[in-house]
């Protein structure tokens, strides 16, 4: 058989890639044949591409994914646990993780790649790891706005009154996260004073996702969108939409958390899928499909969307902060904005 340098290179590359994953785990996963993934990630944008990349990487193992909101995923898992009929092996959520850990539904598991991840992006006991990042800020319609706000103080300008919108969902990606950020930046007393002035600007709560609110900013229904994901802004701008980000620092930083179900019907396939998503290879699939990789060594497709390359300050809202503070932030919202 004639062996070329290209053939040798491909063999060495394949061997190196194989070494990234425990061969015993791969073999056990192939025997199970299926990994079931409950996810909040957008199917066409990342869930399907990630599943296809995994299946190509590990022939013989199929990924079944089911997309739902954080609340729906959490409720579904709690109901399956009560019925002793757990269907999922892997799940991800951006909020509500404590409902799952409190119910003891998750199994601790630390993927090989997690050693590269900073502490803020992983649970010390291994119940969850960040799979991808979100940074939220202000978006503006470039056809309607020529001088965008450059600070939180600028949002108090009378010209914005009644022309700003955010999602009505009372979660960290909405008004509660904005409230937390203001109180953290300004302190309790000055922050509350600011929030009362800001509430007088009549920001409009839209019963839709942040992505749908951004679409309404693009269509010109609103001049500014608050608590918008910066990668959504960049994707739309890249497609020619009249929208840009006005990054008010620090940007609120959130992340999806992925973990293994304790009673997973396909535990080895689930662990292998988790290993893949968090690996360098899986994180590059995230980047290719315009999600922001959690792995600090993997740049975004548009590198400037991550703070390291974009040189912007962020304020992470951790699961513990959400658990301890969300009720307070929602209470302030009802008190000040209603």
C-alpha atoms as a PDB file:
ATOM      1  CA  UNK A   1       0.000   0.000   0.000  1.00  0.00           C
ATOM      2  CA  UNK A   2       1.375   3.391  -0.969  1.00  0.00           C
ATOM      3  CA  UNK A   3       1.487   5.763   2.021  1.00  0.00           C
ATOM      4  CA  UNK A   4       1.632   9.497   1.336  1.00  0.00           C
ATOM      5  CA  UNK A   5       2.607  12.265   3.727  1.00  0.00           C
ATOM      6  CA  UNK A   6      -1.011  13.442   3.571  1.00  0.00           C
ATOM      7  CA  UNK A   7      -2.159   9.964   4.587  1.00  0.00           C
ATOM      8  CA  UNK A   8       0.280   9.905   7.495  1.00  0.00           C
ATOM      9  CA  UNK A   9      -0.877  13.363   8.557  1.00  0.00           C
ATOM     10  CA  UNK A  10      -4.516  12.286   8.462  1.00  0.00           C
ATOM     11  CA  UNK A  11      -3.726   9.168  10.477  1.00  0.00           C
ATOM     12  CA  UNK A  12      -1.835  11.194  13.087  1.00  0.00           C
ATOM     13  CA  UNK A  13      -4.615  13.789  13.231  1.00  0.00           C
ATOM     14  CA  UNK A  14      -7.221  11.076  13.676  1.00  0.00           C
ATOM     15  CA  UNK A  15      -5.174   9.462  16.431  1.00  0.00           C
ATOM     16  CA  UNK A  16      -4.754  12.801  18.191  1.00  0.00           C
ATOM     17  CA  UNK A  17      -8.463  13.489  17.974  1.00  0.00           C
ATOM     18  CA  UNK A  18      -9.291  10.014  19.265  1.00  0.00           C
ATOM     19  CA  UNK A  19      -7.048  10.655  22.270  1.00  0.00           C
ATOM     20  CA  UNK A  20      -9.277  13.568  23.222  1.00  0.00           C
ATOM     21  CA  UNK A  21     -11.965  11.146  24.374  1.00  0.00           C
ATOM     22  CA  UNK A  22     -11.757   8.138  26.688  1.00  0.00           C
ATOM     23  CA  UNK A  23     -11.928   5.055  24.421  1.00  0.00           C
ATOM     24  CA  UNK A  24     -13.699   3.049  27.126  1.00  0.00           C
ATOM     25  CA  UNK A  25     -16.367   5.749  27.388  1.00  0.00           C
ATOM     26  CA  UNK A  26     -16.734   5.842  23.605  1.00  0.00           C
ATOM     27  CA  UNK A  27     -17.170   2.077  23.455  1.00  0.00           C
ATOM     28  CA  UNK A  28     -19.740   2.074  26.269  1.00  0.00           C
ATOM     29  CA  UNK A  29     -21.615   4.941  24.597  1.00  0.00           C
ATOM     30  CA  UNK A  30     -21.729   3.060  21.298  1.00  0.00           C
ATOM     31  CA  UNK A  31     -23.322   0.102  23.040  1.00  0.00           C
ATOM     32  CA  UNK A  32     -26.106   2.395  24.314  1.00  0.00           C
ATOM     33  CA  UNK A  33     -26.461   3.940  20.854  1.00  0.00           C
ATOM     34  CA  UNK A  34     -28.457   7.052  21.820  1.00  0.00           C
ATOM     35  CA  UNK A  35     -28.030  10.274  23.792  1.00  0.00           C
ATOM     36  CA  UNK A  36     -31.139  12.289  24.681  1.00  0.00           C
ATOM     37  CA  UNK A  37     -30.572  16.031  25.107  1.00  0.00           C
ATOM     38  CA  UNK A  38     -33.098  18.484  26.572  1.00  0.00           C
ATOM     39  CA  UNK A  39     -31.982  21.932  25.486  1.00  0.00           C
ATOM     40  CA  UNK A  40     -32.984  25.568  25.348  1.00  0.00           C
ATOM     41  CA  UNK A  41     -30.627  26.262  22.446  1.00  0.00           C
ATOM     42  CA  UNK A  42     -32.059  27.126  19.039  1.00  0.00           C
ATOM     43  CA  UNK A  43     -32.488  23.971  16.974  1.00  0.00           C
ATOM     44  CA  UNK A  44     -31.525  25.190  13.494  1.00  0.00           C
ATOM     45  CA  UNK A  45     -28.730  27.411  14.739  1.00  0.00           C
ATOM     46  CA  UNK A  46     -26.890  25.020  17.071  1.00  0.00           C
ATOM     47  CA  UNK A  47     -28.739  21.956  18.435  1.00  0.00           C
ATOM     48  CA  UNK A  48     -28.986  20.236  15.050  1.00  0.00           C
ATOM     49  CA  UNK A  49     -25.459  21.225  13.885  1.00  0.00           C
ATOM     50  CA  UNK A  50     -24.002  20.068  17.219  1.00  0.00           C
ATOM     51  CA  UNK A  51     -25.875  16.751  17.031  1.00  0.00           C
ATOM     52  CA  UNK A  52     -24.764  16.196  13.442  1.00  0.00           C
ATOM     53  CA  UNK A  53     -21.138  16.971  14.283  1.00  0.00           C
ATOM     54  CA  UNK A  54     -21.265  14.558  17.239  1.00  0.00           C
ATOM     55  CA  UNK A  55     -22.849  11.809  15.147  1.00  0.00           C
ATOM     56  CA  UNK A  56     -20.201  12.254  12.451  1.00  0.00           C
ATOM     57  CA  UNK A  57     -17.498  12.110  15.112  1.00  0.00           C
ATOM     58  CA  UNK A  58     -18.962   8.995  16.767  1.00  0.00           C
ATOM     59  CA  UNK A  59     -20.748   6.865  14.147  1.00  0.00           C
ATOM     60  CA  UNK A  60     -23.365   4.590  15.637  1.00  0.00           C
ATOM     61  CA  UNK A  61     -24.517   7.021  18.335  1.00  0.00           C
ATOM     62  CA  UNK A  62     -27.600   9.123  17.613  1.00  0.00           C
ATOM     63  CA  UNK A  63     -28.557  12.340  19.406  1.00  0.00           C
ATOM     64  CA  UNK A  64     -32.217  12.982  20.111  1.00  0.00           C
ATOM     65  CA  UNK A  65     -32.744  16.612  21.107  1.00  0.00           C
ATOM     66  CA  UNK A  66     -35.843  18.348  22.421  1.00  0.00           C
ATOM     67  CA  UNK A  67     -35.963  22.139  22.669  1.00  0.00           C
ATOM     68  CA  UNK A  68     -38.050  24.004  25.260  1.00  0.00           C
ATOM     69  CA  UNK A  69     -37.844  27.059  27.511  1.00  0.00           C
ATOM     70  CA  UNK A  70     -35.927  26.883  30.778  1.00  0.00           C
ATOM     71  CA  UNK A  71     -39.158  26.677  32.742  1.00  0.00           C
ATOM     72  CA  UNK A  72     -40.637  23.972  30.534  1.00  0.00           C
ATOM     73  CA  UNK A  73     -37.443  21.914  30.618  1.00  0.00           C
ATOM     74  CA  UNK A  74     -37.257  22.146  34.404  1.00  0.00           C
ATOM     75  CA  UNK A  75     -40.908  21.195  34.882  1.00  0.00           C
ATOM     76  CA  UNK A  76     -40.596  18.320  32.411  1.00  0.00           C
ATOM     77  CA  UNK A  77     -37.577  16.884  34.218  1.00  0.00           C
ATOM     78  CA  UNK A  78     -39.224  17.231  37.640  1.00  0.00           C
ATOM     79  CA  UNK A  79     -42.334  15.459  36.343  1.00  0.00           C
ATOM     80  CA  UNK A  80     -40.280  12.670  34.773  1.00  0.00           C
ATOM     81  CA  UNK A  81     -38.416  12.186  38.044  1.00  0.00           C
ATOM     82  CA  UNK A  82     -41.662  11.985  40.042  1.00  0.00           C
ATOM     83  CA  UNK A  83     -42.962   9.384  37.617  1.00  0.00           C
ATOM     84  CA  UNK A  84     -39.635   7.485  37.754  1.00  0.00           C
ATOM     85  CA  UNK A  85     -39.492   7.708  33.955  1.00  0.00           C
ATOM     86  CA  UNK A  86     -36.475   9.878  33.229  1.00  0.00           C
ATOM     87  CA  UNK A  87     -36.055  10.233  29.461  1.00  0.00           C
ATOM     88  CA  UNK A  88     -33.139  12.670  29.174  1.00  0.00           C
ATOM     89  CA  UNK A  89     -29.430  12.026  29.577  1.00  0.00           C
ATOM     90  CA  UNK A  90     -28.181  15.606  29.197  1.00  0.00           C
ATOM     91  CA  UNK A  91     -29.883  18.944  29.838  1.00  0.00           C
ATOM     92  CA  UNK A  92     -29.026  22.626  29.606  1.00  0.00           C
ATOM     93  CA  UNK A  93     -30.729  25.696  31.089  1.00  0.00           C
ATOM     94  CA  UNK A  94     -29.823  29.335  31.613  1.00  0.00           C
ATOM     95  CA  UNK A  95     -31.898  29.576  34.794  1.00  0.00           C
ATOM     96  CA  UNK A  96     -33.569  27.240  37.245  1.00  0.00           C
ATOM     97  CA  UNK A  97     -30.543  25.013  37.778  1.00  0.00           C
ATOM     98  CA  UNK A  98     -31.125  25.042  41.542  1.00  0.00           C
ATOM     99  CA  UNK A  99     -34.551  23.477  41.112  1.00  0.00           C
ATOM    100  CA  UNK A 100     -32.782  20.514  39.536  1.00  0.00           C
ATOM    101  CA  UNK A 101     -29.935  20.294  42.024  1.00  0.00           C
ATOM    102  CA  UNK A 102     -32.299  20.707  44.994  1.00  0.00           C
ATOM    103  CA  UNK A 103     -34.379  17.822  43.647  1.00  0.00           C
ATOM    104  CA  UNK A 104     -31.153  15.819  43.291  1.00  0.00           C
ATOM    105  CA  UNK A 105     -31.776  15.162  39.617  1.00  0.00           C
ATOM    106  CA  UNK A 106     -28.238  15.880  38.417  1.00  0.00           C
ATOM    107  CA  UNK A 107     -25.151  13.701  38.640  1.00  0.00           C
ATOM    108  CA  UNK A 108     -21.738  15.258  39.283  1.00  0.00           C
ATOM    109  CA  UNK A 109     -19.475  14.839  36.274  1.00  0.00           C
ATOM    110  CA  UNK A 110     -16.412  16.850  35.293  1.00  0.00           C
ATOM    111  CA  UNK A 111     -15.577  16.651  31.617  1.00  0.00           C
ATOM    112  CA  UNK A 112     -11.918  16.563  30.636  1.00  0.00           C
ATOM    113  CA  UNK A 113     -12.039  20.013  29.017  1.00  0.00           C
ATOM    114  CA  UNK A 114     -13.475  21.684  32.115  1.00  0.00           C
ATOM    115  CA  UNK A 115      -9.986  22.162  33.567  1.00  0.00           C
ATOM    116  CA  UNK A 116      -9.567  25.048  31.078  1.00  0.00           C
ATOM    117  CA  UNK A 117     -12.750  26.803  32.188  1.00  0.00           C
ATOM    118  CA  UNK A 118     -12.634  29.560  34.842  1.00  0.00           C
ATOM    119  CA  UNK A 119     -14.315  28.869  38.180  1.00  0.00           C
ATOM    120  CA  UNK A 120     -17.236  31.206  37.467  1.00  0.00           C
ATOM    121  CA  UNK A 121     -18.236  28.961  34.546  1.00  0.00           C
ATOM    122  CA  UNK A 122     -18.384  25.637  36.398  1.00  0.00           C
ATOM    123  CA  UNK A 123     -19.875  24.136  39.513  1.00  0.00           C
ATOM    124  CA  UNK A 124     -17.186  23.113  41.992  1.00  0.00           C
ATOM    125  CA  UNK A 125     -18.928  19.775  42.538  1.00  0.00           C
ATOM    126  CA  UNK A 126     -19.393  19.161  38.816  1.00  0.00           C
ATOM    127  CA  UNK A 127     -23.177  19.369  38.577  1.00  0.00           C
ATOM    128  CA  UNK A 128     -23.000  21.868  35.701  1.00  0.00           C
ATOM    129  CA  UNK A 129     -20.600  23.624  33.352  1.00  0.00           C
ATOM    130  CA  UNK A 130     -21.193  26.595  31.073  1.00  0.00           C
ATOM    131  CA  UNK A 131     -21.614  25.471  27.473  1.00  0.00           C
ATOM    132  CA  UNK A 132     -21.904  28.930  25.915  1.00  0.00           C
ATOM    133  CA  UNK A 133     -21.965  32.561  26.982  1.00  0.00           C
ATOM    134  CA  UNK A 134     -24.397  35.446  26.610  1.00  0.00           C
ATOM    135  CA  UNK A 135     -23.591  39.142  26.971  1.00  0.00           C
ATOM    136  CA  UNK A 136     -26.519  41.530  27.070  1.00  0.00           C
ATOM    137  CA  UNK A 137     -26.539  45.235  26.357  1.00  0.00           C
ATOM    138  CA  UNK A 138     -28.436  47.967  24.489  1.00  0.00           C
ATOM    139  CA  UNK A 139     -29.281  47.714  20.791  1.00  0.00           C
ATOM    140  CA  UNK A 140     -30.394  50.645  18.657  1.00  0.00           C
ATOM    141  CA  UNK A 141     -31.988  51.126  15.247  1.00  0.00           C
ATOM    142  CA  UNK A 142     -29.406  52.919  13.113  1.00  0.00           C
ATOM    143  CA  UNK A 143     -32.085  54.428  10.872  1.00  0.00           C
ATOM    144  CA  UNK A 144     -33.756  56.109  13.836  1.00  0.00           C
ATOM    145  CA  UNK A 145     -30.825  56.808  16.164  1.00  0.00           C
ATOM    146  CA  UNK A 146     -27.664  58.649  15.145  1.00  0.00           C
ATOM    147  CA  UNK A 147     -26.329  59.426  18.629  1.00  0.00           C
ATOM    148  CA  UNK A 148     -26.863  56.314  20.786  1.00  0.00           C
ATOM    149  CA  UNK A 149     -26.577  56.274  24.580  1.00  0.00           C
ATOM    150  CA  UNK A 150     -23.065  55.742  25.861  1.00  0.00           C
ATOM    151  CA  UNK A 151     -23.750  55.375  29.584  1.00  0.00           C
ATOM    152  CA  UNK A 152     -26.542  54.422  31.944  1.00  0.00           C
ATOM    153  CA  UNK A 153     -26.996  58.138  32.667  1.00  0.00           C
ATOM    154  CA  UNK A 154     -27.692  58.709  28.960  1.00  0.00           C
ATOM    155  CA  UNK A 155     -30.725  56.415  29.188  1.00  0.00           C
ATOM    156  CA  UNK A 156     -32.385  59.120  31.307  1.00  0.00           C
ATOM    157  CA  UNK A 157     -32.405  61.550  28.348  1.00  0.00           C
ATOM    158  CA  UNK A 158     -36.053  62.580  27.677  1.00  0.00           C
ATOM    159  CA  UNK A 159     -35.695  61.651  23.990  1.00  0.00           C
ATOM    160  CA  UNK A 160     -35.804  57.958  24.921  1.00  0.00           C
ATOM    161  CA  UNK A 161     -39.021  58.157  26.904  1.00  0.00           C
ATOM    162  CA  UNK A 162     -41.471  55.578  25.576  1.00  0.00           C
ATOM    163  CA  UNK A 163     -39.026  54.465  22.883  1.00  0.00           C
ATOM    164  CA  UNK A 164     -37.204  51.690  24.760  1.00  0.00           C
ATOM    165  CA  UNK A 165     -38.300  48.069  25.073  1.00  0.00           C
ATOM    166  CA  UNK A 166     -37.287  44.877  26.836  1.00  0.00           C
ATOM    167  CA  UNK A 167     -38.725  41.427  27.372  1.00  0.00           C
ATOM    168  CA  UNK A 168     -41.498  41.089  29.946  1.00  0.00           C
ATOM    169  CA  UNK A 169     -39.959  37.815  31.143  1.00  0.00           C
ATOM    170  CA  UNK A 170     -38.916  38.357  34.748  1.00  0.00           C
ATOM    171  CA  UNK A 171     -35.597  36.563  34.495  1.00  0.00           C
ATOM    172  CA  UNK A 172     -31.964  37.604  34.548  1.00  0.00           C
ATOM    173  CA  UNK A 173     -32.024  38.292  30.791  1.00  0.00           C
ATOM    174  CA  UNK A 174     -34.757  40.881  31.372  1.00  0.00           C
ATOM    175  CA  UNK A 175     -35.534  43.689  33.800  1.00  0.00           C
ATOM    176  CA  UNK A 176     -34.360  41.781  36.922  1.00  0.00           C
ATOM    177  CA  UNK A 177     -30.878  41.428  35.435  1.00  0.00           C
ATOM    178  CA  UNK A 178     -30.829  45.123  34.549  1.00  0.00           C
ATOM    179  CA  UNK A 179     -31.874  45.979  38.114  1.00  0.00           C
ATOM    180  CA  UNK A 180     -29.131  43.783  39.572  1.00  0.00           C
ATOM    181  CA  UNK A 181     -26.524  45.374  37.318  1.00  0.00           C
ATOM    182  CA  UNK A 182     -27.544  48.923  38.273  1.00  0.00           C
ATOM    183  CA  UNK A 183     -27.517  48.134  41.994  1.00  0.00           C
ATOM    184  CA  UNK A 184     -24.107  46.479  41.672  1.00  0.00           C
ATOM    185  CA  UNK A 185     -22.622  49.398  39.747  1.00  0.00           C
ATOM    186  CA  UNK A 186     -24.167  52.244  41.735  1.00  0.00           C
ATOM    187  CA  UNK A 187     -24.823  50.743  45.141  1.00  0.00           C
ATOM    188  CA  UNK A 188     -28.199  50.290  46.805  1.00  0.00           C
ATOM    189  CA  UNK A 189     -29.075  53.918  47.546  1.00  0.00           C
ATOM    190  CA  UNK A 190     -27.869  55.527  44.328  1.00  0.00           C
ATOM    191  CA  UNK A 191     -29.026  52.531  42.316  1.00  0.00           C
ATOM    192  CA  UNK A 192     -32.587  52.738  43.628  1.00  0.00           C
ATOM    193  CA  UNK A 193     -32.640  56.478  42.930  1.00  0.00           C
ATOM    194  CA  UNK A 194     -31.506  55.789  39.359  1.00  0.00           C
ATOM    195  CA  UNK A 195     -34.066  53.030  38.838  1.00  0.00           C
ATOM    196  CA  UNK A 196     -36.909  55.335  39.867  1.00  0.00           C
ATOM    197  CA  UNK A 197     -35.758  57.950  37.361  1.00  0.00           C
ATOM    198  CA  UNK A 198     -35.331  55.284  34.707  1.00  0.00           C
ATOM    199  CA  UNK A 199     -38.822  53.895  35.357  1.00  0.00           C
ATOM    200  CA  UNK A 200     -40.197  57.358  34.563  1.00  0.00           C
ATOM    201  CA  UNK A 201     -38.797  56.840  31.049  1.00  0.00           C
ATOM    202  CA  UNK A 202     -41.585  54.278  30.525  1.00  0.00           C
ATOM    203  CA  UNK A 203     -39.563  51.348  29.137  1.00  0.00           C
ATOM    204  CA  UNK A 204     -42.034  49.057  27.389  1.00  0.00           C
ATOM    205  CA  UNK A 205     -42.323  45.419  28.453  1.00  0.00           C
ATOM    206  CA  UNK A 206     -42.937  43.182  25.450  1.00  0.00           C
ATOM    207  CA  UNK A 207     -44.401  39.712  25.912  1.00  0.00           C
ATOM    208  CA  UNK A 208     -41.747  38.121  23.733  1.00  0.00           C
ATOM    209  CA  UNK A 209     -38.215  36.752  23.883  1.00  0.00           C
ATOM    210  CA  UNK A 210     -35.236  39.145  23.766  1.00  0.00           C
ATOM    211  CA  UNK A 211     -34.633  37.994  20.173  1.00  0.00           C
ATOM    212  CA  UNK A 212     -38.193  38.955  19.220  1.00  0.00           C
ATOM    213  CA  UNK A 213     -37.798  42.329  20.947  1.00  0.00           C
ATOM    214  CA  UNK A 214     -34.651  42.918  18.900  1.00  0.00           C
ATOM    215  CA  UNK A 215     -36.612  42.161  15.740  1.00  0.00           C
ATOM    216  CA  UNK A 216     -39.064  44.900  16.717  1.00  0.00           C
ATOM    217  CA  UNK A 217     -36.171  47.316  17.202  1.00  0.00           C
ATOM    218  CA  UNK A 218     -34.933  46.382  13.721  1.00  0.00           C
ATOM    219  CA  UNK A 219     -38.395  46.976  12.251  1.00  0.00           C
ATOM    220  CA  UNK A 220     -38.456  50.460  13.811  1.00  0.00           C
ATOM    221  CA  UNK A 221     -41.186  49.838  16.379  1.00  0.00           C
ATOM    222  CA  UNK A 222     -38.743  50.861  19.102  1.00  0.00           C
ATOM    223  CA  UNK A 223     -35.574  52.930  18.945  1.00  0.00           C
ATOM    224  CA  UNK A 224     -33.701  51.063  21.680  1.00  0.00           C
ATOM    225  CA  UNK A 225     -33.776  47.470  22.875  1.00  0.00           C
ATOM    226  CA  UNK A 226     -32.618  46.849  26.428  1.00  0.00           C
ATOM    227  CA  UNK A 227     -30.972  43.635  27.619  1.00  0.00           C
ATOM    228  CA  UNK A 228     -30.289  42.410  24.082  1.00  0.00           C
ATOM    229  CA  UNK A 229     -27.823  39.589  23.354  1.00  0.00           C
ATOM    230  CA  UNK A 230     -24.767  41.039  21.649  1.00  0.00           C
ATOM    231  CA  UNK A 231     -24.350  38.067  19.291  1.00  0.00           C
ATOM    232  CA  UNK A 232     -27.945  38.465  18.082  1.00  0.00           C
ATOM    233  CA  UNK A 233     -27.214  42.111  17.326  1.00  0.00           C
ATOM    234  CA  UNK A 234     -24.068  41.180  15.417  1.00  0.00           C
ATOM    235  CA  UNK A 235     -25.787  38.407  13.432  1.00  0.00           C
ATOM    236  CA  UNK A 236     -28.596  40.749  12.352  1.00  0.00           C
ATOM    237  CA  UNK A 237     -26.211  43.583  11.524  1.00  0.00           C
ATOM    238  CA  UNK A 238     -24.132  41.164   9.448  1.00  0.00           C
ATOM    239  CA  UNK A 239     -27.255  40.333   7.454  1.00  0.00           C
ATOM    240  CA  UNK A 240     -27.787  44.007   6.681  1.00  0.00           C
ATOM    241  CA  UNK A 241     -30.308  44.898   9.402  1.00  0.00           C
ATOM    242  CA  UNK A 242     -30.218  48.520  10.643  1.00  0.00           C
ATOM    243  CA  UNK A 243     -29.038  47.691  14.160  1.00  0.00           C
ATOM    244  CA  UNK A 244     -25.932  48.142  16.275  1.00  0.00           C
ATOM    245  CA  UNK A 245     -24.923  47.606  19.880  1.00  0.00           C
ATOM    246  CA  UNK A 246     -24.432  50.442  22.328  1.00  0.00           C
ATOM    247  CA  UNK A 247     -22.377  48.552  24.923  1.00  0.00           C
ATOM    248  CA  UNK A 248     -23.067  50.045  28.346  1.00  0.00           C
ATOM    249  CA  UNK A 249     -20.414  48.603  30.631  1.00  0.00           C
ATOM    250  CA  UNK A 250     -20.315  46.390  32.458  1.00  0.00           C
ATOM    251  CA  UNK A 251     -22.427  44.154  30.235  1.00  0.00           C
ATOM    252  CA  UNK A 252     -24.512  41.575  32.047  1.00  0.00           C
ATOM    253  CA  UNK A 253     -22.955  38.163  31.454  1.00  0.00           C
ATOM    254  CA  UNK A 254     -25.005  34.953  31.531  1.00  0.00           C
ATOM    255  CA  UNK A 255     -24.421  31.398  30.388  1.00  0.00           C
ATOM    256  CA  UNK A 256     -26.173  28.161  29.561  1.00  0.00           C
ATOM    257  CA  UNK A 257     -25.393  25.384  32.037  1.00  0.00           C
ATOM    258  CA  UNK A 258     -25.151  21.823  30.867  1.00  0.00           C
ATOM    259  CA  UNK A 259     -25.182  18.720  33.051  1.00  0.00           C
ATOM    260  CA  UNK A 260     -25.904  14.992  33.285  1.00  0.00           C
ATOM    261  CA  UNK A 261     -29.129  13.546  34.703  1.00  0.00           C
ATOM    262  CA  UNK A 262     -28.587  11.216  37.654  1.00  0.00           C
ATOM    263  CA  UNK A 263     -31.038   8.625  36.340  1.00  0.00           C
ATOM    264  CA  UNK A 264     -30.057   9.003  32.691  1.00  0.00           C
ATOM    265  CA  UNK A 265     -31.202   6.013  30.623  1.00  0.00           C
ATOM    266  CA  UNK A 266     -28.032   6.294  28.487  1.00  0.00           C
ATOM    267  CA  UNK A 267     -25.447   7.549  31.011  1.00  0.00           C
ATOM    268  CA  UNK A 268     -22.339   6.813  28.948  1.00  0.00           C
ATOM    269  CA  UNK A 269     -23.707   8.327  25.737  1.00  0.00           C
ATOM    270  CA  UNK A 270     -24.825  11.333  27.786  1.00  0.00           C
ATOM    271  CA  UNK A 271     -21.367  11.783  29.275  1.00  0.00           C
ATOM    272  CA  UNK A 272     -19.756  11.464  25.862  1.00  0.00           C
ATOM    273  CA  UNK A 273     -22.100  14.106  24.429  1.00  0.00           C
ATOM    274  CA  UNK A 274     -21.238  16.390  27.340  1.00  0.00           C
ATOM    275  CA  UNK A 275     -17.529  15.746  26.789  1.00  0.00           C
ATOM    276  CA  UNK A 276     -17.940  16.614  23.111  1.00  0.00           C
ATOM    277  CA  UNK A 277     -19.919  19.832  23.609  1.00  0.00           C
ATOM    278  CA  UNK A 278     -17.376  21.128  26.124  1.00  0.00           C
ATOM    279  CA  UNK A 279     -14.334  19.989  24.148  1.00  0.00           C
ATOM    280  CA  UNK A 280     -12.311  22.209  21.842  1.00  0.00           C
ATOM    281  CA  UNK A 281     -14.026  20.501  18.902  1.00  0.00           C
ATOM    282  CA  UNK A 282     -17.547  21.045  20.233  1.00  0.00           C
ATOM    283  CA  UNK A 283     -16.824  24.617  21.239  1.00  0.00           C
ATOM    284  CA  UNK A 284     -15.661  25.344  17.702  1.00  0.00           C
ATOM    285  CA  UNK A 285     -19.029  24.050  16.500  1.00  0.00           C
ATOM    286  CA  UNK A 286     -20.590  26.629  18.833  1.00  0.00           C
ATOM    287  CA  UNK A 287     -18.455  29.386  17.326  1.00  0.00           C
ATOM    288  CA  UNK A 288     -19.100  28.317  13.735  1.00  0.00           C
ATOM    289  CA  UNK A 289     -22.839  28.605  14.368  1.00  0.00           C
ATOM    290  CA  UNK A 290     -22.678  32.053  16.001  1.00  0.00           C
ATOM    291  CA  UNK A 291     -22.929  30.977  19.607  1.00  0.00           C
ATOM    292  CA  UNK A 292     -20.280  32.284  22.008  1.00  0.00           C
ATOM    293  CA  UNK A 293     -18.051  29.437  23.256  1.00  0.00           C
ATOM    294  CA  UNK A 294     -17.625  29.144  27.007  1.00  0.00           C
ATOM    295  CA  UNK A 295     -14.113  27.769  26.593  1.00  0.00           C
ATOM    296  CA  UNK A 296     -11.859  30.837  26.966  1.00  0.00           C
ATOM    297  CA  UNK A 297      -9.374  29.362  24.483  1.00  0.00           C
ATOM    298  CA  UNK A 298     -11.945  29.204  21.662  1.00  0.00           C
ATOM    299  CA  UNK A 299     -12.742  32.583  20.049  1.00  0.00           C
ATOM    300  CA  UNK A 300     -16.174  33.533  18.787  1.00  0.00           C
ATOM    301  CA  UNK A 301     -16.718  33.692  15.033  1.00  0.00           C
ATOM    302  CA  UNK A 302     -16.697  37.451  15.618  1.00  0.00           C
ATOM    303  CA  UNK A 303     -13.975  37.546  18.305  1.00  0.00           C
ATOM    304  CA  UNK A 304     -14.961  41.009  19.546  1.00  0.00           C
ATOM    305  CA  UNK A 305     -18.222  39.604  20.943  1.00  0.00           C
ATOM    306  CA  UNK A 306     -16.270  38.072  23.833  1.00  0.00           C
ATOM    307  CA  UNK A 307     -14.752  40.415  26.427  1.00  0.00           C
ATOM    308  CA  UNK A 308     -11.169  39.235  25.894  1.00  0.00           C
ATOM    309  CA  UNK A 309     -11.079  40.389  22.271  1.00  0.00           C
ATOM    310  CA  UNK A 310     -13.797  43.045  22.549  1.00  0.00           C
ATOM    311  CA  UNK A 311     -12.106  44.705  25.527  1.00  0.00           C
ATOM    312  CA  UNK A 312     -15.330  45.321  27.444  1.00  0.00           C
ATOM    313  CA  UNK A 313     -16.110  44.788  31.101  1.00  0.00           C
ATOM    314  CA  UNK A 314     -18.714  42.248  32.157  1.00  0.00           C
ATOM    315  CA  UNK A 315     -20.611  41.364  35.297  1.00  0.00           C
ATOM    316  CA  UNK A 316     -21.436  37.668  35.569  1.00  0.00           C
ATOM    317  CA  UNK A 317     -24.699  36.702  37.212  1.00  0.00           C
ATOM    318  CA  UNK A 318     -23.964  33.300  38.691  1.00  0.00           C
ATOM    319  CA  UNK A 319     -26.607  30.697  39.585  1.00  0.00           C
ATOM    320  CA  UNK A 320     -26.041  31.376  43.277  1.00  0.00           C
ATOM    321  CA  UNK A 321     -26.540  35.108  42.739  1.00  0.00           C
ATOM    322  CA  UNK A 322     -29.773  34.384  40.889  1.00  0.00           C
ATOM    323  CA  UNK A 323     -30.963  32.040  43.614  1.00  0.00           C
ATOM    324  CA  UNK A 324     -30.265  34.586  46.339  1.00  0.00           C
ATOM    325  CA  UNK A 325     -31.274  37.740  44.479  1.00  0.00           C
ATOM    326  CA  UNK A 326     -33.923  37.081  41.824  1.00  0.00           C
ATOM    327  CA  UNK A 327     -36.870  37.408  44.211  1.00  0.00           C
ATOM    328  CA  UNK A 328     -35.516  40.760  45.389  1.00  0.00           C
ATOM    329  CA  UNK A 329     -34.927  42.057  41.852  1.00  0.00           C
ATOM    330  CA  UNK A 330     -38.437  41.034  40.786  1.00  0.00           C
ATOM    331  CA  UNK A 331     -39.878  42.730  43.879  1.00  0.00           C
ATOM    332  CA  UNK A 332     -38.045  45.945  42.985  1.00  0.00           C
ATOM    333  CA  UNK A 333     -39.387  45.703  39.445  1.00  0.00           C
ATOM    334  CA  UNK A 334     -42.978  45.459  40.681  1.00  0.00           C
ATOM    335  CA  UNK A 335     -42.397  48.283  43.161  1.00  0.00           C
ATOM    336  CA  UNK A 336     -40.627  50.715  40.823  1.00  0.00           C
ATOM    337  CA  UNK A 337     -41.799  49.904  37.308  1.00  0.00           C
ATOM    338  CA  UNK A 338     -45.478  49.038  37.885  1.00  0.00           C
END
